[in-house]
C-alpha atoms as a PDB file:
ATOM      1  CA  MET A   1     -19.902   3.729  25.885  1.00  0.00           C
ATOM      2  CA  SER A   2     -21.708   6.884  24.888  1.00  0.00           C
ATOM      3  CA  HIS A   3     -19.903  10.177  24.646  1.00  0.00           C
ATOM      4  CA  VAL A   4     -16.550   8.442  24.226  1.00  0.00           C
ATOM      5  CA  THR A   5     -14.523   9.234  20.908  1.00  0.00           C
ATOM      6  CA  VAL A   6     -11.564   6.874  20.211  1.00  0.00           C
ATOM      7  CA  VAL A   7      -9.343   8.690  17.825  1.00  0.00           C
ATOM      8  CA  ASP A   8      -8.251   5.911  15.739  1.00  0.00           C
ATOM      9  CA  HIS A   9      -6.283   7.783  13.019  1.00  0.00           C
ATOM     10  CA  PRO A  10      -3.416   5.727  11.829  1.00  0.00           C
ATOM     11  CA  LEU A  11      -0.802   8.595  12.898  1.00  0.00           C
ATOM     12  CA  VAL A  12      -2.419   8.570  16.181  1.00  0.00           C
ATOM     13  CA  GLN A  13      -2.278   4.954  16.832  1.00  0.00           C
ATOM     14  CA  HIS A  14       1.302   4.720  15.430  1.00  0.00           C
ATOM     15  CA  LYS A  15       2.693   7.403  17.736  1.00  0.00           C
ATOM     16  CA  LEU A  16       0.804   5.791  20.695  1.00  0.00           C
ATOM     17  CA  THR A  17       2.375   2.334  20.007  1.00  0.00           C
ATOM     18  CA  LEU A  18       5.856   3.999  19.999  1.00  0.00           C
ATOM     19  CA  MET A  19       5.232   5.533  23.409  1.00  0.00           C
ATOM     20  CA  ARG A  20       4.044   2.355  24.860  1.00  0.00           C
ATOM     21  CA  ARG A  21       7.533   0.879  24.400  1.00  0.00           C
ATOM     22  CA  LYS A  22       9.448   0.645  27.650  1.00  0.00           C
ATOM     23  CA  ASP A  23      12.725   1.589  26.089  1.00  0.00           C
ATOM     24  CA  ALA A  24      11.428   4.829  24.605  1.00  0.00           C
ATOM     25  CA  SER A  25      13.578   7.636  25.859  1.00  0.00           C
ATOM     26  CA  THR A  26      12.378  10.690  27.663  1.00  0.00           C
ATOM     27  CA  ASN A  27      13.079  12.929  24.756  1.00  0.00           C
ATOM     28  CA  SER A  28      11.322  10.420  22.392  1.00  0.00           C
ATOM     29  CA  PHE A  29       8.090   9.966  24.598  1.00  0.00           C
ATOM     30  CA  ARG A  30       7.914  13.856  25.062  1.00  0.00           C
ATOM     31  CA  ARG A  31       8.199  14.441  21.333  1.00  0.00           C
ATOM     32  CA  LEU A  32       5.647  11.718  20.466  1.00  0.00           C
ATOM     33  CA  LEU A  33       3.284  13.115  23.009  1.00  0.00           C
ATOM     34  CA  ASN A  34       3.616  16.528  21.572  1.00  0.00           C
ATOM     35  CA  GLU A  35       2.844  15.230  18.060  1.00  0.00           C
ATOM     36  CA  LEU A  36       0.076  13.001  19.010  1.00  0.00           C
ATOM     37  CA  SER A  37      -1.647  15.711  21.098  1.00  0.00           C
ATOM     38  CA  SER A  38      -1.697  18.040  18.085  1.00  0.00           C
ATOM     39  CA  LEU A  39      -3.282  15.496  15.994  1.00  0.00           C
ATOM     40  CA  MET A  40      -5.980  14.827  18.700  1.00  0.00           C
ATOM     41  CA  ALA A  41      -6.857  18.334  18.837  1.00  0.00           C
ATOM     42  CA  TYR A  42      -8.211  18.376  15.323  1.00  0.00           C
ATOM     43  CA  GLU A  43     -10.712  15.758  16.396  1.00  0.00           C
ATOM     44  CA  VAL A  44     -11.543  17.507  19.687  1.00  0.00           C
ATOM     45  CA  THR A  45     -12.171  20.828  17.898  1.00  0.00           C
ATOM     46  CA  ARG A  46     -14.102  19.368  15.036  1.00  0.00           C
ATOM     47  CA  ASP A  47     -17.469  20.748  16.185  1.00  0.00           C
ATOM     48  CA  MET A  48     -16.401  24.036  17.539  1.00  0.00           C
ATOM     49  CA  PRO A  49     -18.552  26.907  16.413  1.00  0.00           C
ATOM     50  CA  MET A  50     -17.242  29.202  13.760  1.00  0.00           C
ATOM     51  CA  GLN A  51     -17.651  32.950  12.975  1.00  0.00           C
ATOM     52  CA  ASP A  52     -17.341  34.982   9.875  1.00  0.00           C
ATOM     53  CA  ILE A  53     -14.793  37.774   9.509  1.00  0.00           C
ATOM     54  CA  GLU A  54     -13.738  39.985   6.705  1.00  0.00           C
ATOM     55  CA  VAL A  55     -10.346  39.316   5.091  1.00  0.00           C
ATOM     56  CA  GLU A  56      -8.231  40.853   2.252  1.00  0.00           C
ATOM     57  CA  THR A  57      -6.805  38.364   0.080  1.00  0.00           C
ATOM     58  CA  PRO A  58      -4.048  39.557  -2.493  1.00  0.00           C
ATOM     59  CA  LEU A  59      -6.880  39.828  -5.177  1.00  0.00           C
ATOM     60  CA  GLU A  60      -9.977  41.073  -3.245  1.00  0.00           C
ATOM     61  CA  THR A  61     -11.935  41.202   0.032  1.00  0.00           C
ATOM     62  CA  MET A  62     -14.049  38.177   1.075  1.00  0.00           C
ATOM     63  CA  THR A  63     -15.790  36.748   4.116  1.00  0.00           C
ATOM     64  CA  SER A  64     -14.377  33.682   5.824  1.00  0.00           C
ATOM     65  CA  LYS A  65     -14.725  31.672   8.878  1.00  0.00           C
ATOM     66  CA  VAL A  66     -12.377  31.435  11.872  1.00  0.00           C
ATOM     67  CA  ILE A  67     -12.501  29.861  15.383  1.00  0.00           C
ATOM     68  CA  ASP A  68     -12.527  32.292  18.270  1.00  0.00           C
ATOM     69  CA  GLY A  69      -9.459  30.841  20.052  1.00  0.00           C
ATOM     70  CA  LYS A  70      -9.831  33.273  22.892  1.00  0.00           C
ATOM     71  CA  LYS A  71     -13.070  31.576  23.957  1.00  0.00           C
ATOM     72  CA  VAL A  72     -11.174  28.216  24.408  1.00  0.00           C
ATOM     73  CA  VAL A  73      -9.503  27.348  27.626  1.00  0.00           C
ATOM     74  CA  LEU A  74      -7.153  24.333  27.853  1.00  0.00           C
ATOM     75  CA  VAL A  75      -7.014  23.084  31.411  1.00  0.00           C
ATOM     76  CA  SER A  76      -4.109  20.984  32.367  1.00  0.00           C
ATOM     77  CA  ILE A  77      -4.347  18.556  35.262  1.00  0.00           C
ATOM     78  CA  LEU A  78      -1.007  18.860  36.811  1.00  0.00           C
ATOM     79  CA  ARG A  79       1.606  17.799  36.249  1.00  0.00           C
ATOM     80  CA  ALA A  80       1.310  15.234  33.467  1.00  0.00           C
ATOM     81  CA  GLY A  81      -1.399  17.262  31.623  1.00  0.00           C
ATOM     82  CA  ASN A  82       1.257  19.685  30.551  1.00  0.00           C
ATOM     83  CA  GLY A  83       2.627  17.013  28.382  1.00  0.00           C
ATOM     84  CA  ILE A  84      -0.651  17.254  26.209  1.00  0.00           C
ATOM     85  CA  LEU A  85      -1.094  21.027  26.673  1.00  0.00           C
ATOM     86  CA  GLU A  86       1.981  22.055  24.394  1.00  0.00           C
ATOM     87  CA  GLY A  87       0.704  19.976  21.455  1.00  0.00           C
ATOM     88  CA  MET A  88      -2.756  21.313  21.814  1.00  0.00           C
ATOM     89  CA  LEU A  89      -1.410  24.939  21.907  1.00  0.00           C
ATOM     90  CA  ASN A  90       0.451  24.277  18.559  1.00  0.00           C
ATOM     91  CA  VAL A  91      -3.071  23.824  16.979  1.00  0.00           C
ATOM     92  CA  ILE A  92      -5.118  26.390  18.968  1.00  0.00           C
ATOM     93  CA  PRO A  93      -2.348  29.006  19.914  1.00  0.00           C
ATOM     94  CA  GLY A  94      -5.086  31.632  20.847  1.00  0.00           C
ATOM     95  CA  ALA A  95      -6.546  29.432  23.741  1.00  0.00           C
ATOM     96  CA  ARG A  96      -6.375  30.580  27.363  1.00  0.00           C
ATOM     97  CA  VAL A  97      -4.686  28.139  29.675  1.00  0.00           C
ATOM     98  CA  GLY A  98      -5.707  27.127  33.204  1.00  0.00           C
ATOM     99  CA  HIS A  99      -4.201  24.713  35.695  1.00  0.00           C
ATOM    100  CA  ILE A 100      -5.385  22.423  38.271  1.00  0.00           C
ATOM    101  CA  GLY A 101      -3.323  20.659  40.619  1.00  0.00           C
ATOM    102  CA  LEU A 102      -4.479  17.174  41.847  1.00  0.00           C
ATOM    103  CA  TYR A 103      -2.597  14.217  43.285  1.00  0.00           C
ATOM    104  CA  ARG A 104      -3.967  10.607  43.982  1.00  0.00           C
ATOM    105  CA  ASP A 105      -3.824   9.516  47.487  1.00  0.00           C
ATOM    106  CA  PRO A 106      -1.778   6.266  47.306  1.00  0.00           C
ATOM    107  CA  LYS A 107      -4.066   4.419  50.044  1.00  0.00           C
ATOM    108  CA  THR A 108      -7.525   5.629  48.929  1.00  0.00           C
ATOM    109  CA  LEU A 109      -6.819   6.579  45.315  1.00  0.00           C
ATOM    110  CA  THR A 110      -9.051   9.611  45.767  1.00  0.00           C
ATOM    111  CA  ALA A 111      -8.047  13.034  44.266  1.00  0.00           C
ATOM    112  CA  VAL A 112      -6.767  15.689  46.608  1.00  0.00           C
ATOM    113  CA  GLU A 113      -6.607  19.322  45.268  1.00  0.00           C
ATOM    114  CA  TYR A 114      -3.536  21.573  45.864  1.00  0.00           C
ATOM    115  CA  TYR A 115      -3.661  24.317  43.179  1.00  0.00           C
ATOM    116  CA  PHE A 116      -6.261  25.991  40.970  1.00  0.00           C
ATOM    117  CA  LYS A 117      -5.716  28.838  38.606  1.00  0.00           C
ATOM    118  CA  MET A 118      -8.222  29.871  35.725  1.00  0.00           C
ATOM    119  CA  PRO A 119      -8.632  32.727  33.398  1.00  0.00           C
ATOM    120  CA  SER A 120     -11.466  35.172  34.079  1.00  0.00           C
ATOM    121  CA  GLU A 121     -15.113  35.026  32.809  1.00  0.00           C
ATOM    122  CA  MET A 122     -15.107  31.206  32.483  1.00  0.00           C
ATOM    123  CA  GLN A 123     -18.722  31.325  31.894  1.00  0.00           C
ATOM    124  CA  ASP A 124     -18.223  32.447  28.459  1.00  0.00           C
ATOM    125  CA  ARG A 125     -15.778  29.784  27.585  1.00  0.00           C
ATOM    126  CA  ASP A 126     -15.337  26.344  26.303  1.00  0.00           C
ATOM    127  CA  ILE A 127     -13.115  24.138  28.423  1.00  0.00           C
ATOM    128  CA  ILE A 128     -10.845  21.259  27.104  1.00  0.00           C
ATOM    129  CA  VAL A 129      -9.509  19.409  30.144  1.00  0.00           C
ATOM    130  CA  VAL A 130      -6.266  17.365  29.357  1.00  0.00           C
ATOM    131  CA  ASP A 131      -4.597  14.627  31.180  1.00  0.00           C
ATOM    132  CA  PRO A 132      -2.604  11.720  29.624  1.00  0.00           C
ATOM    133  CA  MET A 133      -4.320   8.849  31.664  1.00  0.00           C
ATOM    134  CA  LEU A 134      -7.906   8.476  32.597  1.00  0.00           C
ATOM    135  CA  ALA A 135      -7.368   5.518  35.079  1.00  0.00           C
ATOM    136  CA  THR A 136      -9.472   5.315  38.193  1.00  0.00           C
ATOM    137  CA  GLY A 137     -11.254   8.499  37.065  1.00  0.00           C
ATOM    138  CA  ASN A 138     -11.260  10.007  40.366  1.00  0.00           C
ATOM    139  CA  SER A 139      -8.826  12.863  39.580  1.00  0.00           C
ATOM    140  CA  ALA A 140     -10.623  13.560  36.315  1.00  0.00           C
ATOM    141  CA  ALA A 141     -14.083  13.573  37.958  1.00  0.00           C
ATOM    142  CA  ALA A 142     -12.841  15.932  40.730  1.00  0.00           C
ATOM    143  CA  ALA A 143     -11.371  18.281  38.382  1.00  0.00           C
ATOM    144  CA  VAL A 144     -14.421  18.549  36.297  1.00  0.00           C
ATOM    145  CA  GLU A 145     -16.582  18.980  39.396  1.00  0.00           C
ATOM    146  CA  ARG A 146     -14.510  21.923  40.460  1.00  0.00           C
ATOM    147  CA  LEU A 147     -14.661  23.380  36.930  1.00  0.00           C
ATOM    148  CA  LYS A 148     -18.337  23.237  36.715  1.00  0.00           C
ATOM    149  CA  GLU A 149     -18.543  25.572  39.735  1.00  0.00           C
ATOM    150  CA  LEU A 150     -17.391  28.178  37.222  1.00  0.00           C
ATOM    151  CA  ASN A 151     -20.356  27.512  34.953  1.00  0.00           C
ATOM    152  CA  PRO A 152     -18.346  27.310  31.557  1.00  0.00           C
ATOM    153  CA  LYS A 153     -20.257  26.958  28.313  1.00  0.00           C
ATOM    154  CA  SER A 154     -19.066  23.385  27.867  1.00  0.00           C
ATOM    155  CA  ILE A 155     -16.322  20.770  29.068  1.00  0.00           C
ATOM    156  CA  LYS A 156     -14.619  18.161  27.054  1.00  0.00           C
ATOM    157  CA  PHE A 157     -11.988  15.797  28.559  1.00  0.00           C
ATOM    158  CA  VAL A 158      -9.043  14.568  26.466  1.00  0.00           C
ATOM    159  CA  CYS A 159      -6.649  11.691  27.407  1.00  0.00           C
ATOM    160  CA  LEU A 160      -4.216   9.290  25.685  1.00  0.00           C
ATOM    161  CA  LEU A 161      -5.409   6.232  27.429  1.00  0.00           C
ATOM    162  CA  THR A 162      -8.292   5.114  29.456  1.00  0.00           C
ATOM    163  CA  CYS A 163      -9.962   1.825  30.608  1.00  0.00           C
ATOM    164  CA  PRO A 164     -13.501   0.743  31.310  1.00  0.00           C
ATOM    165  CA  GLU A 165     -13.105   1.586  35.142  1.00  0.00           C
ATOM    166  CA  GLY A 166     -12.110   5.201  34.364  1.00  0.00           C
ATOM    167  CA  VAL A 167     -14.760   5.595  31.732  1.00  0.00           C
ATOM    168  CA  ARG A 168     -17.435   4.252  34.205  1.00  0.00           C
ATOM    169  CA  THR A 169     -16.285   6.687  36.885  1.00  0.00           C
ATOM    170  CA  MET A 170     -16.428   9.716  34.728  1.00  0.00           C
ATOM    171  CA  GLN A 171     -19.528   8.881  33.111  1.00  0.00           C
ATOM    172  CA  ALA A 172     -21.318   8.189  36.410  1.00  0.00           C
ATOM    173  CA  ALA A 173     -20.114  11.488  37.663  1.00  0.00           C
ATOM    174  CA  HIS A 174     -20.398  13.741  34.547  1.00  0.00           C
ATOM    175  CA  PRO A 175     -22.493  12.027  31.760  1.00  0.00           C
ATOM    176  CA  ASP A 176     -22.720  15.367  30.064  1.00  0.00           C
ATOM    177  CA  VAL A 177     -18.875  15.597  29.456  1.00  0.00           C
ATOM    178  CA  PRO A 178     -17.563  13.824  26.315  1.00  0.00           C
ATOM    179  CA  ILE A 179     -14.265  11.901  26.473  1.00  0.00           C
ATOM    180  CA  TYR A 180     -11.654  11.873  23.677  1.00  0.00           C
ATOM    181  CA  THR A 181      -9.067   9.183  23.919  1.00  0.00           C
ATOM    182  CA  ALA A 182      -6.544   7.413  21.637  1.00  0.00           C
ATOM    183  CA  ALA A 183      -7.254   3.950  23.259  1.00  0.00           C
ATOM    184  CA  ILE A 184      -9.396   2.219  25.710  1.00  0.00           C
ATOM    185  CA  ASP A 185      -7.091  -0.428  27.392  1.00  0.00           C
ATOM    186  CA  ARG A 186      -8.054  -3.591  29.080  1.00  0.00           C
ATOM    187  CA  GLN A 187      -8.237  -2.843  32.897  1.00  0.00           C
ATOM    188  CA  LEU A 188      -6.591  -1.278  36.017  1.00  0.00           C
ATOM    189  CA  ASN A 189      -4.121  -3.232  38.220  1.00  0.00           C
ATOM    190  CA  ASP A 190      -4.239  -3.248  42.023  1.00  0.00           C
ATOM    191  CA  HIS A 191      -2.348   0.040  42.120  1.00  0.00           C
ATOM    192  CA  GLY A 192      -4.517   1.989  39.870  1.00  0.00           C
ATOM    193  CA  TYR A 193      -2.303   1.706  36.661  1.00  0.00           C
ATOM    194  CA  ILE A 194      -3.765   1.118  33.336  1.00  0.00           C
ATOM    195  CA  LEU A 195      -3.064  -2.238  31.735  1.00  0.00           C
ATOM    196  CA  PRO A 196      -1.366  -2.847  29.365  1.00  0.00           C
ATOM    197  CA  GLY A 197      -0.840   1.028  29.308  1.00  0.00           C
ATOM    198  CA  LEU A 198       2.343   2.774  29.087  1.00  0.00           C
ATOM    199  CA  GLY A 199       3.541   3.273  32.669  1.00  0.00           C
ATOM    200  CA  ASP A 200       3.376   6.602  34.635  1.00  0.00           C
ATOM    201  CA  ALA A 201       2.982   9.281  32.123  1.00  0.00           C
ATOM    202  CA  GLY A 202       4.232  11.994  34.280  1.00  0.00           C
ATOM    203  CA  ASP A 203       7.439  10.111  35.056  1.00  0.00           C
ATOM    204  CA  ARG A 204       8.021   9.378  31.446  1.00  0.00           C
ATOM    205  CA  ILE A 205       7.400  12.942  30.241  1.00  0.00           C
ATOM    206  CA  PHE A 206       9.641  14.535  32.901  1.00  0.00           C
ATOM    207  CA  GLY A 207      12.130  11.780  33.298  1.00  0.00           C
ATOM    208  CA  THR A 208      11.627  11.423  37.042  1.00  0.00           C
ATOM    209  CA  LYS A 209      11.259   7.700  37.155  1.00  0.00           C
END
């Protein structure tokens, strides 16, 4: 699977395992997701371009490198994407934030858009799309298609879990968009849920199950 990066750091895998447990509380699930998202942000931003700035240390003036966080836009696919968003912002606090609202039609499993709000001048920005699950891939593919209309510099997609079906859908629609995930699970069930998975991420984040 080209353009798919599995973040297999021991801390990421440990926290993901704890999140999978069905008896994990809402508070525990949310906290672990925040911590795991911050860890994944390090991998996702590994190849971000740097620029030199002048800083004054306690001893002398020097030139050192920084990321221009204002060029980064974190786009949350509502509502579950907000669970990853907070952890990412811990690492990239200067990032702008966009939201796209999509829901999955329960009969067709296709994505329906109901909300779209982005920063201005997106053509100058690098987008990181966040959503805990890449299941059927329909919502993710639709979100990326919509974002491409804004002609951003680049787009990456970040999720906790995916499966072969979701990866195939995304890569067929957007082979140029790299996918970052903590695990590629076995398959989808008949209702479009990832197996073995961790259940409905939105319900578990917000305690609405």
